[in-house]
Amino acid sequence: MTKYLLTSFLIFILQIQTFAQQNESALKTSMQFLENLSSEDFEANKKFMAKLYATDDFADKLSDSWHFQIDKLGAFQNLKSTKYDSFRDYDIVYLTCRFENSDYTIKLVFNNRHEITDIYFIPYPPLIAAGDLNSLWIIMFLILWELAWKAMGLWKAGKNQKLAWFISIFLLPTAGLLPIFYTFFIKENESHG
């Protein structure tokens, strides 16, 4: 038992240390990326990109994107805050920057080789942070769960001509509980109308 607890504790400590190193690496790279943007050294940022994205015209595309943002937001002032997040195998860093006219966020997505795979310029605060995507997946699952059980309950109530059950299942959002109850616990010949 003691060996099991000690082994579990060591694995937990190693995971925390690995997470901290990934976090630090992604933040450090992101800060350098922003520094290169602000000094308009777009070619230097090519080395941070995944090979697929580090094409010959990368610096030109990044320059166009940066200047488009500058035209809308005014001159870059400074870095306001950073936020680290992860989603599946990706590290995500949000650099909230202060520009002359407004704050804006640069979102950098890193793959498991610590290369940048995506760059987004998004309004501040982010419309949906990556951590919130986990919540979004749960909400989507609950919606699909509810719809699947509603369909089954509505089909059974319609087949058995149970108008009260049909209307109740159709109108009440119960996360699938009411249709599950009806489907499994109400016998066809026990309930009438």
N, C-alpha and C. Protein backbone atom coordinates (compact mmCIF):
# COMPACT_ATOMS: atom_id res chain seq x y z
N MET A 1 0.83 -1.20 0.00
CA MET A 1 0.00 0.00 0.00
C MET A 1 0.87 1.26 0.00
N THR A 2 1.92 1.25 0.81
CA THR A 2 2.82 2.40 0.90
C THR A 2 3.53 2.62 -0.43
N LYS A 3 3.96 1.51 -1.07
CA LYS A 3 4.62 1.63 -2.38
C LYS A 3 3.68 2.25 -3.40
N TYR A 4 2.42 1.81 -3.37
CA TYR A 4 1.42 2.33 -4.31
C TYR A 4 1.22 3.84 -4.09
N LEU A 5 1.09 4.26 -2.86
CA LEU A 5 0.91 5.69 -2.56
C LEU A 5 2.13 6.50 -2.96
N LEU A 6 3.31 5.99 -2.66
CA LEU A 6 4.54 6.69 -3.01
C LEU A 6 4.69 6.81 -4.53
N THR A 7 4.40 5.72 -5.24
CA THR A 7 4.48 5.74 -6.70
C THR A 7 3.47 6.73 -7.28
N SER A 8 2.25 6.72 -6.78
CA SER A 8 1.22 7.65 -7.24
C SER A 8 1.64 9.09 -6.98
N PHE A 9 2.21 9.34 -5.82
CA PHE A 9 2.65 10.69 -5.47
C PHE A 9 3.77 11.14 -6.41
N LEU A 10 4.72 10.27 -6.68
CA LEU A 10 5.83 10.63 -7.58
C LEU A 10 5.32 10.90 -9.00
N ILE A 11 4.39 10.08 -9.48
CA ILE A 11 3.82 10.31 -10.82
C ILE A 11 3.10 11.65 -10.85
N PHE A 12 2.37 11.96 -9.80
CA PHE A 12 1.65 13.24 -9.71
C PHE A 12 2.63 14.41 -9.75
N ILE A 13 3.72 14.32 -8.99
CA ILE A 13 4.74 15.39 -8.96
C ILE A 13 5.38 15.55 -10.34
N LEU A 14 5.68 14.44 -11.01
CA LEU A 14 6.27 14.52 -12.35
C LEU A 14 5.32 15.16 -13.35
N GLN A 15 4.03 14.86 -13.24
CA GLN A 15 3.04 15.46 -14.13
C GLN A 15 2.95 16.96 -13.90
N ILE A 16 2.96 17.37 -12.65
CA ILE A 16 2.93 18.80 -12.34
C ILE A 16 4.16 19.49 -12.90
N GLN A 17 5.32 18.86 -12.73
CA GLN A 17 6.56 19.45 -13.22
C GLN A 17 6.54 19.55 -14.75
N THR A 18 6.07 18.51 -15.43
CA THR A 18 5.97 18.53 -16.89
C THR A 18 5.03 19.62 -17.36
N PHE A 19 3.87 19.73 -16.68
CA PHE A 19 2.90 20.77 -17.02
C PHE A 19 3.52 22.16 -16.84
N ALA A 20 4.25 22.36 -15.76
CA ALA A 20 4.89 23.66 -15.50
C ALA A 20 5.92 23.97 -16.57
N GLN A 21 6.68 22.96 -17.01
CA GLN A 21 7.69 23.18 -18.05
C GLN A 21 7.03 23.52 -19.38
N GLN A 22 5.94 22.83 -19.73
CA GLN A 22 5.21 23.13 -20.96
C GLN A 22 4.67 24.55 -20.90
N ASN A 23 4.09 24.90 -19.77
CA ASN A 23 3.54 26.22 -19.55
C ASN A 23 4.63 27.27 -19.74
N GLU A 24 5.77 27.08 -19.09
CA GLU A 24 6.87 28.03 -19.16
C GLU A 24 7.42 28.15 -20.58
N SER A 25 7.56 27.01 -21.25
CA SER A 25 8.08 27.02 -22.62
C SER A 25 7.14 27.77 -23.56
N ALA A 26 5.85 27.48 -23.47
CA ALA A 26 4.87 28.14 -24.33
C ALA A 26 4.82 29.64 -24.05
N LEU A 27 4.86 30.02 -22.78
CA LEU A 27 4.83 31.45 -22.43
C LEU A 27 6.09 32.17 -22.93
N LYS A 28 7.24 31.53 -22.75
CA LYS A 28 8.50 32.14 -23.20
C LYS A 28 8.50 32.35 -24.71
N THR A 29 8.09 31.33 -25.45
CA THR A 29 8.02 31.44 -26.91
C THR A 29 7.03 32.52 -27.32
N SER A 30 5.89 32.58 -26.64
CA SER A 30 4.85 33.57 -26.95
C SER A 30 5.36 34.99 -26.73
N MET A 31 6.09 35.18 -25.65
CA MET A 31 6.64 36.51 -25.36
C MET A 31 7.64 36.93 -26.44
N GLN A 32 8.47 35.99 -26.86
CA GLN A 32 9.43 36.29 -27.94
C GLN A 32 8.70 36.58 -29.24
N PHE A 33 7.64 35.82 -29.51
CA PHE A 33 6.82 36.03 -30.71
C PHE A 33 6.25 37.44 -30.71
N LEU A 34 5.70 37.86 -29.57
CA LEU A 34 5.13 39.22 -29.46
C LEU A 34 6.21 40.28 -29.61
N GLU A 35 7.35 40.05 -29.01
CA GLU A 35 8.45 41.02 -29.14
C GLU A 35 8.86 41.18 -30.60
N ASN A 36 8.91 40.06 -31.33
CA ASN A 36 9.23 40.12 -32.76
C ASN A 36 8.14 40.85 -33.54
N LEU A 37 6.88 40.63 -33.16
CA LEU A 37 5.79 41.35 -33.83
C LEU A 37 5.92 42.85 -33.60
N SER A 38 6.12 43.23 -32.35
CA SER A 38 6.16 44.67 -32.04
C SER A 38 7.35 45.36 -32.69
N SER A 39 8.44 44.62 -32.90
CA SER A 39 9.59 45.22 -33.59
C SER A 39 9.53 44.98 -35.10
N GLU A 40 8.43 44.36 -35.55
CA GLU A 40 8.17 44.06 -36.95
C GLU A 40 9.25 43.18 -37.58
N ASP A 41 9.78 42.26 -36.79
CA ASP A 41 10.73 41.27 -37.29
C ASP A 41 9.95 39.99 -37.57
N PHE A 42 9.15 40.00 -38.62
CA PHE A 42 8.23 38.92 -38.92
C PHE A 42 8.96 37.64 -39.34
N GLU A 43 10.08 37.80 -39.99
CA GLU A 43 10.86 36.65 -40.44
C GLU A 43 11.37 35.83 -39.24
N ALA A 44 11.69 36.50 -38.12
CA ALA A 44 12.20 35.80 -36.93
C ALA A 44 11.14 34.87 -36.34
N ASN A 45 9.88 35.21 -36.51
CA ASN A 45 8.82 34.37 -35.95
C ASN A 45 8.61 33.08 -36.74
N LYS A 46 9.18 33.01 -37.90
CA LYS A 46 9.04 31.81 -38.73
C LYS A 46 9.61 30.58 -38.03
N LYS A 47 10.66 30.77 -37.21
CA LYS A 47 11.30 29.63 -36.54
C LYS A 47 10.42 29.01 -35.46
N PHE A 48 9.40 29.74 -34.99
CA PHE A 48 8.50 29.21 -33.96
C PHE A 48 7.35 28.40 -34.55
N MET A 49 7.17 28.50 -35.85
CA MET A 49 6.01 27.89 -36.51
C MET A 49 6.25 26.42 -36.84
N ALA A 50 5.17 25.66 -36.88
CA ALA A 50 5.23 24.28 -37.36
C ALA A 50 5.65 24.32 -38.84
N LYS A 51 6.35 23.31 -39.27
CA LYS A 51 6.91 23.29 -40.63
C LYS A 51 5.85 23.55 -41.70
N LEU A 52 4.66 23.02 -41.50
CA LEU A 52 3.58 23.18 -42.47
C LEU A 52 3.23 24.66 -42.69
N TYR A 53 3.37 25.47 -41.64
CA TYR A 53 2.97 26.88 -41.71
C TYR A 53 4.15 27.82 -42.00
N ALA A 54 5.37 27.34 -41.83
CA ALA A 54 6.54 28.18 -42.04
C ALA A 54 6.92 28.21 -43.51
N THR A 55 6.00 28.66 -44.33
CA THR A 55 6.22 28.71 -45.77
C THR A 55 7.03 29.96 -46.14
N ASP A 56 7.39 30.05 -47.40
CA ASP A 56 8.19 31.18 -47.86
C ASP A 56 7.46 32.52 -47.67
N ASP A 57 6.15 32.50 -47.80
CA ASP A 57 5.40 33.76 -47.69
C ASP A 57 4.84 34.00 -46.28
N PHE A 58 5.31 33.23 -45.29
CA PHE A 58 4.81 33.37 -43.93
C PHE A 58 5.02 34.79 -43.39
N ALA A 59 6.24 35.31 -43.54
CA ALA A 59 6.55 36.64 -43.00
C ALA A 59 5.65 37.70 -43.63
N ASP A 60 5.37 37.59 -44.92
CA ASP A 60 4.50 38.56 -45.59
C ASP A 60 3.07 38.47 -45.06
N LYS A 61 2.57 37.24 -44.88
CA LYS A 61 1.21 37.07 -44.36
C LYS A 61 1.10 37.59 -42.93
N LEU A 62 2.11 37.30 -42.11
CA LEU A 62 2.10 37.79 -40.72
C LEU A 62 2.18 39.31 -40.69
N SER A 63 2.99 39.88 -41.56
CA SER A 63 3.10 41.33 -41.65
C SER A 63 1.76 41.95 -42.04
N ASP A 64 1.09 41.35 -43.01
CA ASP A 64 -0.23 41.86 -43.42
C ASP A 64 -1.23 41.79 -42.27
N SER A 65 -1.25 40.68 -41.57
CA SER A 65 -2.18 40.53 -40.44
C SER A 65 -1.88 41.55 -39.34
N TRP A 66 -0.61 41.71 -39.00
CA TRP A 66 -0.22 42.64 -37.95
C TRP A 66 -0.58 44.08 -38.33
N HIS A 67 -0.26 44.46 -39.57
CA HIS A 67 -0.57 45.83 -39.99
C HIS A 67 -2.08 46.07 -40.10
N PHE A 68 -2.83 45.06 -40.45
CA PHE A 68 -4.28 45.17 -40.45
C PHE A 68 -4.79 45.48 -39.04
N GLN A 69 -4.23 44.77 -38.04
CA GLN A 69 -4.62 45.01 -36.65
C GLN A 69 -4.21 46.42 -36.21
N ILE A 70 -3.01 46.82 -36.57
CA ILE A 70 -2.51 48.15 -36.20
C ILE A 70 -3.39 49.24 -36.81
N ASP A 71 -3.82 49.05 -38.05
CA ASP A 71 -4.69 50.04 -38.70
C ASP A 71 -6.01 50.19 -37.96
N LYS A 72 -6.54 49.07 -37.43
CA LYS A 72 -7.81 49.12 -36.71
C LYS A 72 -7.65 49.60 -35.27
N LEU A 73 -6.56 49.18 -34.62
CA LEU A 73 -6.43 49.37 -33.17
C LEU A 73 -5.49 50.49 -32.76
N GLY A 74 -4.74 51.01 -33.69
CA GLY A 74 -3.73 52.00 -33.32
C GLY A 74 -2.43 51.30 -32.96
N ALA A 75 -1.46 52.07 -32.56
CA ALA A 75 -0.12 51.54 -32.27
C ALA A 75 -0.14 50.60 -31.07
N PHE A 76 0.73 49.59 -31.14
CA PHE A 76 0.90 48.67 -30.02
C PHE A 76 1.53 49.42 -28.86
N GLN A 77 0.95 49.26 -27.67
CA GLN A 77 1.46 49.94 -26.47
C GLN A 77 2.31 49.00 -25.62
N ASN A 78 1.65 47.94 -25.09
CA ASN A 78 2.37 46.99 -24.24
C ASN A 78 1.53 45.74 -24.03
N LEU A 79 2.15 44.79 -23.36
CA LEU A 79 1.47 43.55 -23.00
C LEU A 79 0.72 43.80 -21.70
N LYS A 80 -0.55 43.51 -21.69
CA LYS A 80 -1.39 43.75 -20.51
C LYS A 80 -1.42 42.52 -19.60
N SER A 81 -1.60 41.33 -20.18
CA SER A 81 -1.64 40.11 -19.37
C SER A 81 -1.41 38.89 -20.25
N THR A 82 -1.08 37.79 -19.60
CA THR A 82 -0.93 36.52 -20.30
C THR A 82 -1.80 35.48 -19.61
N LYS A 83 -2.22 34.50 -20.37
CA LYS A 83 -3.01 33.41 -19.82
C LYS A 83 -2.61 32.14 -20.55
N TYR A 84 -2.35 31.10 -19.77
CA TYR A 84 -2.00 29.80 -20.34
C TYR A 84 -3.19 28.87 -20.19
N ASP A 85 -3.43 28.07 -21.21
CA ASP A 85 -4.50 27.10 -21.17
C ASP A 85 -4.06 25.89 -21.99
N SER A 86 -4.77 24.80 -21.85
CA SER A 86 -4.48 23.64 -22.69
C SER A 86 -5.79 23.00 -23.09
N PHE A 87 -5.78 22.39 -24.25
CA PHE A 87 -6.95 21.70 -24.76
C PHE A 87 -6.46 20.50 -25.54
N ARG A 88 -6.81 19.32 -25.04
CA ARG A 88 -6.32 18.06 -25.61
C ARG A 88 -4.80 18.07 -25.66
N ASP A 89 -4.18 17.95 -26.84
CA ASP A 89 -2.72 17.92 -26.94
C ASP A 89 -2.13 19.30 -27.25
N TYR A 90 -2.92 20.33 -27.13
CA TYR A 90 -2.46 21.66 -27.51
C TYR A 90 -2.28 22.57 -26.30
N ASP A 91 -1.20 23.34 -26.34
CA ASP A 91 -1.00 24.41 -25.36
C ASP A 91 -1.48 25.69 -26.02
N ILE A 92 -2.15 26.53 -25.25
CA ILE A 92 -2.70 27.76 -25.79
C ILE A 92 -2.28 28.91 -24.90
N VAL A 93 -1.76 29.95 -25.52
CA VAL A 93 -1.35 31.13 -24.77
C VAL A 93 -2.13 32.32 -25.31
N TYR A 94 -2.73 33.07 -24.39
CA TYR A 94 -3.43 34.30 -24.73
C TYR A 94 -2.57 35.46 -24.28
N LEU A 95 -2.21 36.33 -25.20
CA LEU A 95 -1.45 37.55 -24.89
C LEU A 95 -2.41 38.72 -25.07
N THR A 96 -2.89 39.26 -23.99
CA THR A 96 -3.78 40.41 -24.08
C THR A 96 -2.91 41.66 -24.15
N CYS A 97 -3.06 42.37 -25.25
CA CYS A 97 -2.19 43.51 -25.54
C CYS A 97 -2.99 44.81 -25.50
N ARG A 98 -2.33 45.84 -25.06
CA ARG A 98 -2.93 47.17 -25.07
C ARG A 98 -2.45 47.88 -26.33
N PHE A 99 -3.42 48.29 -27.12
CA PHE A 99 -3.15 49.09 -28.31
C PHE A 99 -3.67 50.49 -28.04
N GLU A 100 -3.41 51.40 -28.93
CA GLU A 100 -3.81 52.80 -28.74
C GLU A 100 -5.32 52.95 -28.53
N ASN A 101 -6.13 52.24 -29.33
CA ASN A 101 -7.57 52.42 -29.30
C ASN A 101 -8.33 51.36 -28.50
N SER A 102 -7.71 50.21 -28.26
CA SER A 102 -8.45 49.12 -27.63
C SER A 102 -7.49 48.02 -27.21
N ASP A 103 -7.96 47.18 -26.30
CA ASP A 103 -7.21 45.97 -25.97
C ASP A 103 -7.59 44.88 -26.95
N TYR A 104 -6.64 44.02 -27.25
CA TYR A 104 -6.88 42.92 -28.16
C TYR A 104 -6.04 41.74 -27.70
N THR A 105 -6.46 40.56 -28.04
CA THR A 105 -5.75 39.35 -27.60
C THR A 105 -5.17 38.62 -28.80
N ILE A 106 -3.94 38.21 -28.64
CA ILE A 106 -3.30 37.34 -29.62
C ILE A 106 -3.30 35.94 -29.02
N LYS A 107 -3.90 35.02 -29.72
CA LYS A 107 -3.99 33.63 -29.25
C LYS A 107 -3.02 32.79 -30.07
N LEU A 108 -2.11 32.12 -29.38
CA LEU A 108 -1.13 31.27 -30.03
C LEU A 108 -1.38 29.82 -29.59
N VAL A 109 -1.49 28.92 -30.56
CA VAL A 109 -1.77 27.52 -30.27
C VAL A 109 -0.51 26.72 -30.61
N PHE A 110 -0.06 25.92 -29.62
CA PHE A 110 1.17 25.13 -29.77
C PHE A 110 0.82 23.64 -29.85
N ASN A 111 1.52 22.93 -30.73
CA ASN A 111 1.34 21.48 -30.79
C ASN A 111 2.23 20.82 -29.74
N ASN A 112 2.26 19.49 -29.71
CA ASN A 112 3.04 18.78 -28.70
C ASN A 112 4.56 18.85 -28.95
N ARG A 113 4.98 19.41 -30.08
CA ARG A 113 6.40 19.63 -30.35
C ARG A 113 6.80 21.08 -30.04
N HIS A 114 5.92 21.80 -29.37
CA HIS A 114 6.14 23.20 -28.96
C HIS A 114 6.30 24.14 -30.15
N GLU A 115 5.62 23.80 -31.26
CA GLU A 115 5.61 24.65 -32.44
C GLU A 115 4.25 25.33 -32.51
N ILE A 116 4.23 26.55 -33.00
CA ILE A 116 2.97 27.28 -33.15
C ILE A 116 2.25 26.76 -34.39
N THR A 117 0.98 26.38 -34.20
CA THR A 117 0.20 25.89 -35.34
C THR A 117 -0.86 26.89 -35.78
N ASP A 118 -1.28 27.78 -34.87
CA ASP A 118 -2.31 28.76 -35.22
C ASP A 118 -2.06 30.06 -34.48
N ILE A 119 -2.40 31.14 -35.16
CA ILE A 119 -2.30 32.49 -34.58
C ILE A 119 -3.64 33.16 -34.83
N TYR A 120 -4.24 33.68 -33.77
CA TYR A 120 -5.52 34.38 -33.90
C TYR A 120 -5.41 35.75 -33.25
N PHE A 121 -6.00 36.73 -33.88
CA PHE A 121 -6.17 38.04 -33.28
C PHE A 121 -7.65 38.13 -32.92
N ILE A 122 -7.94 38.22 -31.64
CA ILE A 122 -9.33 38.19 -31.19
C ILE A 122 -9.62 39.35 -30.25
N PRO A 123 -10.87 39.81 -30.22
CA PRO A 123 -11.22 40.90 -29.30
C PRO A 123 -10.98 40.49 -27.86
N TYR A 124 -10.78 41.48 -27.00
CA TYR A 124 -10.61 41.20 -25.58
C TYR A 124 -11.91 41.52 -24.86
N PRO A 125 -12.37 40.70 -23.96
CA PRO A 125 -11.83 39.39 -23.61
C PRO A 125 -12.16 38.38 -24.69
N PRO A 126 -11.45 37.23 -24.70
CA PRO A 126 -11.73 36.23 -25.73
C PRO A 126 -13.19 35.84 -25.72
N LEU A 127 -13.74 35.64 -26.90
CA LEU A 127 -15.14 35.24 -26.98
C LEU A 127 -15.38 33.90 -26.31
N ILE A 128 -14.54 32.91 -26.59
CA ILE A 128 -14.60 31.62 -25.90
C ILE A 128 -13.17 31.20 -25.62
N ALA A 129 -12.82 31.16 -24.36
CA ALA A 129 -11.48 30.70 -23.99
C ALA A 129 -11.43 29.19 -24.17
N ALA A 130 -10.25 28.67 -24.41
CA ALA A 130 -10.12 27.23 -24.65
C ALA A 130 -10.61 26.41 -23.48
N GLY A 131 -10.36 26.83 -22.26
CA GLY A 131 -10.85 26.11 -21.10
C GLY A 131 -12.36 26.03 -21.10
N ASP A 132 -13.01 27.08 -21.64
CA ASP A 132 -14.47 27.08 -21.72
C ASP A 132 -14.97 26.10 -22.76
N LEU A 133 -14.09 25.70 -23.69
CA LEU A 133 -14.50 24.71 -24.68
C LEU A 133 -14.85 23.39 -24.01
N ASN A 134 -14.14 23.08 -22.91
CA ASN A 134 -14.47 21.86 -22.18
C ASN A 134 -15.90 21.94 -21.68
N SER A 135 -16.31 23.10 -21.17
CA SER A 135 -17.68 23.29 -20.73
C SER A 135 -18.63 23.21 -21.92
N LEU A 136 -18.21 23.75 -23.03
CA LEU A 136 -19.03 23.72 -24.23
C LEU A 136 -19.29 22.28 -24.67
N TRP A 137 -18.27 21.42 -24.59
CA TRP A 137 -18.45 20.02 -24.94
C TRP A 137 -19.47 19.35 -24.02
N ILE A 138 -19.42 19.68 -22.73
CA ILE A 138 -20.37 19.11 -21.78
C ILE A 138 -21.78 19.57 -22.11
N ILE A 139 -21.93 20.84 -22.42
CA ILE A 139 -23.25 21.37 -22.77
C ILE A 139 -23.77 20.70 -24.04
N MET A 140 -22.89 20.55 -25.03
CA MET A 140 -23.31 19.89 -26.27
C MET A 140 -23.72 18.45 -26.01
N PHE A 141 -22.97 17.75 -25.15
CA PHE A 141 -23.32 16.38 -24.81
C PHE A 141 -24.69 16.33 -24.14
N LEU A 142 -24.94 17.25 -23.19
CA LEU A 142 -26.23 17.27 -22.51
C LEU A 142 -27.39 17.56 -23.47
N ILE A 143 -27.15 18.43 -24.41
CA ILE A 143 -28.20 18.74 -25.40
C ILE A 143 -28.50 17.50 -26.25
N LEU A 144 -27.45 16.83 -26.72
CA LEU A 144 -27.66 15.63 -27.53
C LEU A 144 -28.30 14.51 -26.71
N TRP A 145 -27.89 14.38 -25.45
CA TRP A 145 -28.49 13.41 -24.54
C TRP A 145 -29.98 13.67 -24.40
N GLU A 146 -30.32 14.92 -24.12
CA GLU A 146 -31.73 15.32 -23.96
C GLU A 146 -32.52 15.02 -25.24
N LEU A 147 -31.95 15.40 -26.38
CA LEU A 147 -32.66 15.19 -27.65
C LEU A 147 -32.88 13.70 -27.95
N ALA A 148 -31.87 12.88 -27.68
CA ALA A 148 -32.00 11.45 -27.94
C ALA A 148 -33.10 10.84 -27.08
N TRP A 149 -33.10 11.17 -25.79
CA TRP A 149 -34.12 10.60 -24.91
C TRP A 149 -35.50 11.18 -25.20
N LYS A 150 -35.54 12.47 -25.54
CA LYS A 150 -36.84 13.07 -25.92
C LYS A 150 -37.42 12.36 -27.13
N ALA A 151 -36.57 12.11 -28.12
CA ALA A 151 -37.04 11.43 -29.33
C ALA A 151 -37.60 10.06 -28.98
N MET A 152 -36.90 9.32 -28.13
CA MET A 152 -37.37 7.99 -27.75
C MET A 152 -38.68 8.08 -26.96
N GLY A 153 -38.74 9.01 -26.00
CA GLY A 153 -39.95 9.17 -25.21
C GLY A 153 -41.13 9.64 -26.04
N LEU A 154 -40.88 10.60 -26.94
CA LEU A 154 -41.96 11.10 -27.80
C LEU A 154 -42.46 10.00 -28.74
N TRP A 155 -41.55 9.21 -29.26
CA TRP A 155 -41.95 8.12 -30.15
C TRP A 155 -42.84 7.13 -29.40
N LYS A 156 -42.43 6.74 -28.16
CA LYS A 156 -43.22 5.77 -27.39
C LYS A 156 -44.57 6.36 -27.00
N ALA A 157 -44.58 7.63 -26.55
CA ALA A 157 -45.85 8.26 -26.15
C ALA A 157 -46.78 8.41 -27.36
N GLY A 158 -46.23 8.77 -28.51
CA GLY A 158 -47.04 8.88 -29.72
C GLY A 158 -47.58 7.54 -30.16
N LYS A 159 -46.74 6.52 -30.11
CA LYS A 159 -47.14 5.17 -30.50
C LYS A 159 -48.27 4.65 -29.60
N ASN A 160 -48.16 4.99 -28.30
CA ASN A 160 -49.17 4.53 -27.33
C ASN A 160 -50.34 5.51 -27.19
N GLN A 161 -50.30 6.58 -27.97
CA GLN A 161 -51.36 7.61 -27.95
C GLN A 161 -51.58 8.19 -26.56
N LYS A 162 -50.49 8.55 -25.89
CA LYS A 162 -50.54 9.17 -24.56
C LYS A 162 -50.24 10.66 -24.72
N LEU A 163 -51.29 11.43 -24.95
CA LEU A 163 -51.15 12.85 -25.24
C LEU A 163 -50.50 13.63 -24.08
N ALA A 164 -50.90 13.36 -22.85
CA ALA A 164 -50.35 14.08 -21.69
C ALA A 164 -48.84 13.84 -21.57
N TRP A 165 -48.43 12.58 -21.72
CA TRP A 165 -47.01 12.27 -21.67
C TRP A 165 -46.27 12.91 -22.85
N PHE A 166 -46.86 12.85 -24.02
CA PHE A 166 -46.24 13.44 -25.21
C PHE A 166 -45.97 14.93 -25.00
N ILE A 167 -46.98 15.66 -24.53
CA ILE A 167 -46.84 17.11 -24.32
C ILE A 167 -45.82 17.38 -23.21
N SER A 168 -45.87 16.61 -22.12
CA SER A 168 -44.92 16.81 -21.01
C SER A 168 -43.49 16.59 -21.46
N ILE A 169 -43.26 15.50 -22.17
CA ILE A 169 -41.90 15.20 -22.64
C ILE A 169 -41.43 16.26 -23.63
N PHE A 170 -42.33 16.72 -24.49
CA PHE A 170 -41.98 17.70 -25.50
C PHE A 170 -41.63 19.05 -24.88
N LEU A 171 -42.37 19.48 -23.87
CA LEU A 171 -42.22 20.84 -23.32
C LEU A 171 -41.21 20.97 -22.18
N LEU A 172 -41.05 19.94 -21.37
CA LEU A 172 -40.23 20.08 -20.17
C LEU A 172 -38.77 19.67 -20.42
N PRO A 173 -37.84 20.58 -20.17
CA PRO A 173 -36.42 20.22 -20.28
C PRO A 173 -35.96 19.55 -18.98
N THR A 174 -35.78 18.25 -19.01
CA THR A 174 -35.43 17.51 -17.79
C THR A 174 -34.12 16.74 -17.92
N ALA A 175 -33.27 17.14 -18.85
CA ALA A 175 -31.99 16.45 -19.10
C ALA A 175 -32.21 14.96 -19.35
N GLY A 176 -33.34 14.63 -19.94
CA GLY A 176 -33.62 13.25 -20.31
C GLY A 176 -34.30 12.43 -19.23
N LEU A 177 -34.47 12.97 -18.03
CA LEU A 177 -35.02 12.19 -16.93
C LEU A 177 -36.48 11.79 -17.16
N LEU A 178 -37.31 12.71 -17.60
CA LEU A 178 -38.72 12.39 -17.82
C LEU A 178 -38.91 11.34 -18.92
N PRO A 179 -38.26 11.49 -20.09
CA PRO A 179 -38.41 10.44 -21.10
C PRO A 179 -37.83 9.10 -20.66
N ILE A 180 -36.74 9.11 -19.89
CA ILE A 180 -36.18 7.85 -19.38
C ILE A 180 -37.20 7.18 -18.46
N PHE A 181 -37.77 7.98 -17.55
CA PHE A 181 -38.78 7.46 -16.63
C PHE A 181 -39.95 6.87 -17.41
N TYR A 182 -40.45 7.61 -18.38
CA TYR A 182 -41.59 7.13 -19.17
C TYR A 182 -41.23 5.87 -19.95
N THR A 183 -40.07 5.88 -20.58
CA THR A 183 -39.66 4.75 -21.44
C THR A 183 -39.49 3.46 -20.64
N PHE A 184 -38.90 3.55 -19.46
CA PHE A 184 -38.56 2.33 -18.73
C PHE A 184 -39.54 1.95 -17.61
N PHE A 185 -40.28 2.91 -17.08
CA PHE A 185 -41.08 2.61 -15.89
C PHE A 185 -42.58 2.69 -16.08
N ILE A 186 -43.04 3.28 -17.17
CA ILE A 186 -44.48 3.34 -17.42
C ILE A 186 -44.84 2.23 -18.40
N LYS A 187 -45.66 1.33 -17.93
CA LYS A 187 -46.09 0.22 -18.78
C LYS A 187 -47.22 0.70 -19.70
N GLU A 188 -47.26 0.16 -20.89
CA GLU A 188 -48.23 0.60 -21.90
C GLU A 188 -49.67 0.44 -21.42
N ASN A 189 -50.00 -0.65 -20.79
CA ASN A 189 -51.38 -0.90 -20.43
C ASN A 189 -51.73 -0.42 -19.02
N GLU A 190 -50.80 0.23 -18.29
CA GLU A 190 -51.09 0.75 -16.96
C GLU A 190 -51.59 2.18 -17.01
N SER A 191 -51.10 2.98 -17.93
CA SER A 191 -51.50 4.40 -17.96
C SER A 191 -52.45 4.64 -19.12
N HIS A 192 -53.47 5.44 -18.85
CA HIS A 192 -54.46 5.77 -19.89
C HIS A 192 -54.55 7.28 -19.99
N GLY A 193 -54.27 7.82 -21.20
CA GLY A 193 -54.45 9.21 -21.53
C GLY A 193 -53.66 10.11 -20.71
